[in-house]
Amino acid sequence: MSLNQPIESLEDLQRRRRNLIITRDIYKSAVLSKIEKFSHPIGVISMIFKPLSRCISWTPIFISVAKIALSFFRNRK
């Protein structure tokens, strides 16, 4: 049943209201479970860095770090 359809009866209105409340409660519980992760610092770190690690290409970063480390060890000698 779509929200754009006209309401036929009081029962129809009550059924739609119950469905909307159920949907709202489902979304509330999903949001609360995400917010609970912020209470733990490791959860915050993982929420930030997991998406970043998927979208970043690590090869150029690894090459840059390797070059810096190599130049550091060469200059140290």
PDB file of N, CA and C in Angstrom:
ATOM      1  N   MET A   1       0.849  -1.178   0.000  1.00  0.00           N
ATOM      2  CA  MET A   1       0.000   0.000   0.000  1.00  0.00           C
ATOM      3  C   MET A   1       0.894   1.240   0.000  1.00  0.00           C
ATOM      4  N   SER A   2       0.650   2.096  -0.918  1.00  0.00           N
ATOM      5  CA  SER A   2       1.453   3.308  -1.059  1.00  0.00           C
ATOM      6  C   SER A   2       0.849   4.453  -0.256  1.00  0.00           C
ATOM      7  N   LEU A   3       1.695   5.376   0.134  1.00  0.00           N
ATOM      8  CA  LEU A   3       1.213   6.546   0.866  1.00  0.00           C
ATOM      9  C   LEU A   3       0.457   7.508  -0.043  1.00  0.00           C
ATOM     10  N   ASN A   4       0.629   7.367  -1.349  1.00  0.00           N
ATOM     11  CA  ASN A   4      -0.038   8.264  -2.291  1.00  0.00           C
ATOM     12  C   ASN A   4      -1.486   7.863  -2.559  1.00  0.00           C
ATOM     13  N   GLN A   5      -1.868   6.655  -2.173  1.00  0.00           N
ATOM     14  CA  GLN A   5      -3.237   6.201  -2.400  1.00  0.00           C
ATOM     15  C   GLN A   5      -4.173   6.856  -1.388  1.00  0.00           C
ATOM     16  N   PRO A   6      -5.396   7.139  -1.800  1.00  0.00           N
ATOM     17  CA  PRO A   6      -6.346   7.758  -0.862  1.00  0.00           C
ATOM     18  C   PRO A   6      -6.733   6.786   0.251  1.00  0.00           C
ATOM     19  N   ILE A   7      -7.059   7.339   1.390  1.00  0.00           N
ATOM     20  CA  ILE A   7      -7.461   6.540   2.543  1.00  0.00           C
ATOM     21  C   ILE A   7      -8.938   6.187   2.389  1.00  0.00           C
ATOM     22  N   GLU A   8      -9.236   4.902   2.422  1.00  0.00           N
ATOM     23  CA  GLU A   8     -10.601   4.413   2.201  1.00  0.00           C
ATOM     24  C   GLU A   8     -11.425   4.403   3.485  1.00  0.00           C
ATOM     25  N   SER A   9     -10.780   4.023   4.597  1.00  0.00           N
ATOM     26  CA  SER A   9     -11.553   3.867   5.834  1.00  0.00           C
ATOM     27  C   SER A   9     -10.671   4.170   7.042  1.00  0.00           C
ATOM     28  N   LEU A  10     -11.277   4.158   8.188  1.00  0.00           N
ATOM     29  CA  LEU A  10     -10.550   4.385   9.431  1.00  0.00           C
ATOM     30  C   LEU A  10      -9.571   3.243   9.696  1.00  0.00           C
ATOM     31  N   GLU A  11      -9.962   2.019   9.370  1.00  0.00           N
ATOM     32  CA  GLU A  11      -9.074   0.869   9.549  1.00  0.00           C
ATOM     33  C   GLU A  11      -7.835   1.000   8.672  1.00  0.00           C
ATOM     34  N   ASP A  12      -8.052   1.493   7.453  1.00  0.00           N
ATOM     35  CA  ASP A  12      -6.936   1.721   6.540  1.00  0.00           C
ATOM     36  C   ASP A  12      -5.965   2.739   7.134  1.00  0.00           C
ATOM     37  N   LEU A  13      -6.495   3.796   7.694  1.00  0.00           N
ATOM     38  CA  LEU A  13      -5.667   4.824   8.323  1.00  0.00           C
ATOM     39  C   LEU A  13      -4.898   4.247   9.515  1.00  0.00           C
ATOM     40  N   GLN A  14      -5.548   3.451  10.324  1.00  0.00           N
ATOM     41  CA  GLN A  14      -4.888   2.844  11.479  1.00  0.00           C
ATOM     42  C   GLN A  14      -3.796   1.866  11.049  1.00  0.00           C
ATOM     43  N   ARG A  15      -4.059   1.105   9.997  1.00  0.00           N
ATOM     44  CA  ARG A  15      -3.071   0.163   9.486  1.00  0.00           C
ATOM     45  C   ARG A  15      -1.837   0.904   8.972  1.00  0.00           C
ATOM     46  N   ARG A  16      -2.065   1.987   8.238  1.00  0.00           N
ATOM     47  CA  ARG A  16      -0.938   2.791   7.746  1.00  0.00           C
ATOM     48  C   ARG A  16      -0.134   3.378   8.899  1.00  0.00           C
ATOM     49  N   ARG A  17      -0.840   3.837   9.929  1.00  0.00           N
ATOM     50  CA  ARG A  17      -0.168   4.412  11.094  1.00  0.00           C
ATOM     51  C   ARG A  17       0.707   3.362  11.778  1.00  0.00           C
ATOM     52  N   ARG A  18       0.165   2.152  11.949  1.00  0.00           N
ATOM     53  CA  ARG A  18       0.947   1.073  12.568  1.00  0.00           C
ATOM     54  C   ARG A  18       2.177   0.743  11.731  1.00  0.00           C
ATOM     55  N   ASN A  19       1.996   0.682  10.417  1.00  0.00           N
ATOM     56  CA  ASN A  19       3.132   0.387   9.538  1.00  0.00           C
ATOM     57  C   ASN A  19       4.199   1.472   9.622  1.00  0.00           C
ATOM     58  N   LEU A  20       3.779   2.724   9.670  1.00  0.00           N
ATOM     59  CA  LEU A  20       4.744   3.815   9.788  1.00  0.00           C
ATOM     60  C   LEU A  20       5.473   3.780  11.128  1.00  0.00           C
ATOM     61  N   ILE A  21       4.763   3.454  12.187  1.00  0.00           N
ATOM     62  CA  ILE A  21       5.396   3.364  13.510  1.00  0.00           C
ATOM     63  C   ILE A  21       6.405   2.219  13.541  1.00  0.00           C
ATOM     64  N   ILE A  22       6.052   1.091  12.949  1.00  0.00           N
ATOM     65  CA  ILE A  22       6.977  -0.047  12.890  1.00  0.00           C
ATOM     66  C   ILE A  22       8.228   0.332  12.105  1.00  0.00           C
ATOM     67  N   THR A  23       8.038   0.981  10.960  1.00  0.00           N
ATOM     68  CA  THR A  23       9.175   1.412  10.148  1.00  0.00           C
ATOM     69  C   THR A  23      10.049   2.394  10.916  1.00  0.00           C
ATOM     70  N   ARG A  24       9.427   3.342  11.607  1.00  0.00           N
ATOM     71  CA  ARG A  24      10.178   4.315  12.401  1.00  0.00           C
ATOM     72  C   ARG A  24      10.993   3.621  13.486  1.00  0.00           C
ATOM     73  N   ASP A  25      10.400   2.647  14.151  1.00  0.00           N
ATOM     74  CA  ASP A  25      11.102   1.936  15.214  1.00  0.00           C
ATOM     75  C   ASP A  25      12.288   1.140  14.676  1.00  0.00           C
ATOM     76  N   ILE A  26      12.124   0.565  13.495  1.00  0.00           N
ATOM     77  CA  ILE A  26      13.231  -0.171  12.876  1.00  0.00           C
ATOM     78  C   ILE A  26      14.392   0.774  12.587  1.00  0.00           C
ATOM     79  N   TYR A  27      14.099   1.937  12.005  1.00  0.00           N
ATOM     80  CA  TYR A  27      15.157   2.901  11.712  1.00  0.00           C
ATOM     81  C   TYR A  27      15.791   3.443  12.986  1.00  0.00           C
ATOM     82  N   LYS A  28      14.983   3.670  14.019  1.00  0.00           N
ATOM     83  CA  LYS A  28      15.525   4.150  15.294  1.00  0.00           C
ATOM     84  C   LYS A  28      16.510   3.152  15.878  1.00  0.00           C
ATOM     85  N   SER A  29      16.146   1.878  15.857  1.00  0.00           N
ATOM     86  CA  SER A  29      17.045   0.870  16.428  1.00  0.00           C
ATOM     87  C   SER A  29      18.328   0.750  15.615  1.00  0.00           C
ATOM     88  N   ALA A  30      18.234   0.903  14.297  1.00  0.00           N
ATOM     89  CA  ALA A  30      19.440   0.853  13.468  1.00  0.00           C
ATOM     90  C   ALA A  30      20.353   2.033  13.773  1.00  0.00           C
ATOM     91  N   VAL A  31      19.777   3.217  13.920  1.00  0.00           N
ATOM     92  CA  VAL A  31      20.577   4.406  14.227  1.00  0.00           C
ATOM     93  C   VAL A  31      21.190   4.289  15.616  1.00  0.00           C
ATOM     94  N   LEU A  32      20.430   3.806  16.578  1.00  0.00           N
ATOM     95  CA  LEU A  32      20.961   3.659  17.934  1.00  0.00           C
ATOM     96  C   LEU A  32      22.097   2.649  17.989  1.00  0.00           C
ATOM     97  N   SER A  33      22.005   1.594  17.204  1.00  0.00           N
ATOM     98  CA  SER A  33      23.104   0.622  17.197  1.00  0.00           C
ATOM     99  C   SER A  33      24.366   1.232  16.604  1.00  0.00           C
ATOM    100  N   LYS A  34      24.215   2.134  15.631  1.00  0.00           N
ATOM    101  CA  LYS A  34      25.386   2.831  15.086  1.00  0.00           C
ATOM    102  C   LYS A  34      25.968   3.797  16.109  1.00  0.00           C
ATOM    103  N   ILE A  35      25.100   4.487  16.837  1.00  0.00           N
ATOM    104  CA  ILE A  35      25.564   5.468  17.819  1.00  0.00           C
ATOM    105  C   ILE A  35      26.261   4.779  18.987  1.00  0.00           C
ATOM    106  N   GLU A  36      25.847   3.573  19.334  1.00  0.00           N
ATOM    107  CA  GLU A  36      26.487   2.849  20.428  1.00  0.00           C
ATOM    108  C   GLU A  36      27.961   2.607  20.155  1.00  0.00           C
ATOM    109  N   LYS A  37      28.332   2.505  18.890  1.00  0.00           N
ATOM    110  CA  LYS A  37      29.738   2.296  18.552  1.00  0.00           C
ATOM    111  C   LYS A  37      30.597   3.491  18.954  1.00  0.00           C
ATOM    112  N   PHE A  38      30.006   4.686  19.018  1.00  0.00           N
ATOM    113  CA  PHE A  38      30.772   5.864  19.382  1.00  0.00           C
ATOM    114  C   PHE A  38      31.176   5.858  20.852  1.00  0.00           C
ATOM    115  N   SER A  39      30.560   5.020  21.665  1.00  0.00           N
ATOM    116  CA  SER A  39      30.931   4.986  23.073  1.00  0.00           C
ATOM    117  C   SER A  39      32.263   4.277  23.285  1.00  0.00           C
ATOM    118  N   HIS A  40      32.701   3.518  22.318  1.00  0.00           N
ATOM    119  CA  HIS A  40      33.985   2.830  22.406  1.00  0.00           C
ATOM    120  C   HIS A  40      34.951   3.466  21.415  1.00  0.00           C
ATOM    121  N   PRO A  41      36.139   3.857  21.861  1.00  0.00           N
ATOM    122  CA  PRO A  41      37.076   4.530  20.948  1.00  0.00           C
ATOM    123  C   PRO A  41      37.484   3.670  19.760  1.00  0.00           C
ATOM    124  N   ILE A  42      37.609   2.373  19.966  1.00  0.00           N
ATOM    125  CA  ILE A  42      37.991   1.510  18.844  1.00  0.00           C
ATOM    126  C   ILE A  42      36.867   1.458  17.819  1.00  0.00           C
ATOM    127  N   GLY A  43      35.631   1.502  18.288  1.00  0.00           N
ATOM    128  CA  GLY A  43      34.498   1.541  17.371  1.00  0.00           C
ATOM    129  C   GLY A  43      34.498   2.794  16.522  1.00  0.00           C
ATOM    130  N   VAL A  44      34.865   3.923  17.130  1.00  0.00           N
ATOM    131  CA  VAL A  44      34.941   5.183  16.385  1.00  0.00           C
ATOM    132  C   VAL A  44      36.029   5.096  15.331  1.00  0.00           C
ATOM    133  N   ILE A  45      37.175   4.576  15.731  1.00  0.00           N
ATOM    134  CA  ILE A  45      38.292   4.460  14.785  1.00  0.00           C
ATOM    135  C   ILE A  45      37.908   3.545  13.625  1.00  0.00           C
ATOM    136  N   SER A  46      37.275   2.424  13.934  1.00  0.00           N
ATOM    137  CA  SER A  46      36.911   1.504  12.851  1.00  0.00           C
ATOM    138  C   SER A  46      35.834   2.090  11.953  1.00  0.00           C
ATOM    139  N   MET A  47      34.894   2.875  12.528  1.00  0.00           N
ATOM    140  CA  MET A  47      33.857   3.493  11.694  1.00  0.00           C
ATOM    141  C   MET A  47      34.453   4.516  10.743  1.00  0.00           C
ATOM    142  N   ILE A  48      35.548   5.159  11.140  1.00  0.00           N
ATOM    143  CA  ILE A  48      36.172   6.169  10.290  1.00  0.00           C
ATOM    144  C   ILE A  48      37.088   5.518   9.260  1.00  0.00           C
ATOM    145  N   PHE A  49      37.922   4.577   9.695  1.00  0.00           N
ATOM    146  CA  PHE A  49      38.967   4.076   8.816  1.00  0.00           C
ATOM    147  C   PHE A  49      38.562   2.909   7.928  1.00  0.00           C
ATOM    148  N   LYS A  50      37.511   2.169   8.266  1.00  0.00           N
ATOM    149  CA  LYS A  50      37.092   1.083   7.374  1.00  0.00           C
ATOM    150  C   LYS A  50      36.638   1.600   6.013  1.00  0.00           C
ATOM    151  N   PRO A  51      35.751   2.601   5.953  1.00  0.00           N
ATOM    152  CA  PRO A  51      35.387   3.117   4.626  1.00  0.00           C
ATOM    153  C   PRO A  51      36.563   3.767   3.908  1.00  0.00           C
ATOM    154  N   LEU A  52      37.434   4.441   4.671  1.00  0.00           N
ATOM    155  CA  LEU A  52      38.602   5.066   4.051  1.00  0.00           C
ATOM    156  C   LEU A  52      39.523   4.018   3.447  1.00  0.00           C
ATOM    157  N   SER A  53      39.721   2.919   4.155  1.00  0.00           N
ATOM    158  CA  SER A  53      40.640   1.898   3.657  1.00  0.00           C
ATOM    159  C   SER A  53      40.114   1.241   2.391  1.00  0.00           C
ATOM    160  N   ARG A  54      38.804   1.240   2.208  1.00  0.00           N
ATOM    161  CA  ARG A  54      38.235   0.650   0.993  1.00  0.00           C
ATOM    162  C   ARG A  54      38.366   1.572  -0.213  1.00  0.00           C
ATOM    163  N   CYS A  55      38.347   2.881   0.024  1.00  0.00           N
ATOM    164  CA  CYS A  55      38.332   3.800  -1.114  1.00  0.00           C
ATOM    165  C   CYS A  55      39.719   4.331  -1.468  1.00  0.00           C
ATOM    166  N   ILE A  56      40.718   4.098  -0.630  1.00  0.00           N
ATOM    167  CA  ILE A  56      42.063   4.614  -0.899  1.00  0.00           C
ATOM    168  C   ILE A  56      42.877   3.523  -1.578  1.00  0.00           C
ATOM    169  N   SER A  57      43.606   3.927  -2.598  1.00  0.00           N
ATOM    170  CA  SER A  57      44.555   3.011  -3.209  1.00  0.00           C
ATOM    171  C   SER A  57      45.831   3.052  -2.373  1.00  0.00           C
ATOM    172  N   TRP A  58      46.194   1.920  -1.797  1.00  0.00           N
ATOM    173  CA  TRP A  58      47.302   1.894  -0.845  1.00  0.00           C
ATOM    174  C   TRP A  58      48.662   1.816  -1.517  1.00  0.00           C
ATOM    175  N   THR A  59      48.749   1.486  -2.792  1.00  0.00           N
ATOM    176  CA  THR A  59      50.039   1.341  -3.457  1.00  0.00           C
ATOM    177  C   THR A  59      50.836   2.644  -3.483  1.00  0.00           C
ATOM    178  N   PRO A  60      50.266   3.784  -3.910  1.00  0.00           N
ATOM    179  CA  PRO A  60      51.066   5.019  -3.895  1.00  0.00           C
ATOM    180  C   PRO A  60      51.490   5.431  -2.487  1.00  0.00           C
ATOM    181  N   ILE A  61      50.638   5.195  -1.518  1.00  0.00           N
ATOM    182  CA  ILE A  61      50.994   5.536  -0.138  1.00  0.00           C
ATOM    183  C   ILE A  61      52.145   4.657   0.330  1.00  0.00           C
ATOM    184  N   PHE A  62      52.083   3.379   0.022  1.00  0.00           N
ATOM    185  CA  PHE A  62      53.151   2.464   0.413  1.00  0.00           C
ATOM    186  C   PHE A  62      54.464   2.853  -0.252  1.00  0.00           C
ATOM    187  N   ILE A  63      54.416   3.215  -1.535  1.00  0.00           N
ATOM    188  CA  ILE A  63      55.632   3.625  -2.246  1.00  0.00           C
ATOM    189  C   ILE A  63      56.209   4.893  -1.628  1.00  0.00           C
ATOM    190  N   SER A  64      55.359   5.858  -1.301  1.00  0.00           N
ATOM    191  CA  SER A  64      55.842   7.100  -0.694  1.00  0.00           C
ATOM    192  C   SER A  64      56.483   6.845   0.663  1.00  0.00           C
ATOM    193  N   VAL A  65      55.863   6.029   1.470  1.00  0.00           N
ATOM    194  CA  VAL A  65      56.429   5.717   2.787  1.00  0.00           C
ATOM    195  C   VAL A  65      57.739   4.965   2.633  1.00  0.00           C
ATOM    196  N   ALA A  66      57.811   4.060   1.682  1.00  0.00           N
ATOM    197  CA  ALA A  66      59.048   3.313   1.455  1.00  0.00           C
ATOM    198  C   ALA A  66      60.166   4.245   1.002  1.00  0.00           C
ATOM    199  N   LYS A  67      59.858   5.211   0.140  1.00  0.00           N
ATOM    200  CA  LYS A  67      60.875   6.170  -0.307  1.00  0.00           C
ATOM    201  C   LYS A  67      61.374   7.019   0.853  1.00  0.00           C
ATOM    202  N   ILE A  68      60.461   7.475   1.687  1.00  0.00           N
ATOM    203  CA  ILE A  68      60.853   8.296   2.839  1.00  0.00           C
ATOM    204  C   ILE A  68      61.712   7.480   3.799  1.00  0.00           C
ATOM    205  N   ALA A  69      61.323   6.248   4.057  1.00  0.00           N
ATOM    206  CA  ALA A  69      62.103   5.398   4.962  1.00  0.00           C
ATOM    207  C   ALA A  69      63.473   5.109   4.378  1.00  0.00           C
ATOM    208  N   LEU A  70      63.535   4.846   3.085  1.00  0.00           N
ATOM    209  CA  LEU A  70      64.816   4.566   2.436  1.00  0.00           C
ATOM    210  C   LEU A  70      65.728   5.782   2.489  1.00  0.00           C
ATOM    211  N   SER A  71      65.191   6.966   2.198  1.00  0.00           N
ATOM    212  CA  SER A  71      66.025   8.171   2.260  1.00  0.00           C
ATOM    213  C   SER A  71      66.451   8.468   3.696  1.00  0.00           C
ATOM    214  N   PHE A  72      65.594   8.174   4.662  1.00  0.00           N
ATOM    215  CA  PHE A  72      65.957   8.382   6.066  1.00  0.00           C
ATOM    216  C   PHE A  72      67.121   7.478   6.457  1.00  0.00           C
ATOM    217  N   PHE A  73      67.062   6.197   6.057  1.00  0.00           N
ATOM    218  CA  PHE A  73      68.138   5.273   6.416  1.00  0.00           C
ATOM    219  C   PHE A  73      69.412   5.566   5.641  1.00  0.00           C
ATOM    220  N   ARG A  74      69.328   6.051   4.414  1.00  0.00           N
ATOM    221  CA  ARG A  74      70.528   6.418   3.654  1.00  0.00           C
ATOM    222  C   ARG A  74      71.220   7.626   4.276  1.00  0.00           C
ATOM    223  N   ASN A  75      70.445   8.619   4.671  1.00  0.00           N
ATOM    224  CA  ASN A  75      71.022   9.824   5.267  1.00  0.00           C
ATOM    225  C   ASN A  75      71.552   9.560   6.672  1.00  0.00           C
ATOM    226  N   ARG A  76      71.069   8.542   7.299  1.00  0.00           N
ATOM    227  CA  ARG A  76      71.490   8.226   8.660  1.00  0.00           C
ATOM    228  C   ARG A  76      72.905   7.667   8.686  1.00  0.00           C
ATOM    229  N   LYS A  77      73.303   6.975   7.637  1.00  0.00           N
ATOM    230  CA  LYS A  77      74.638   6.345   7.596  1.00  0.00           C
ATOM    231  C   LYS A  77      75.712   7.316   7.357  1.00  0.00           C
TER     232      LYS A  77
END
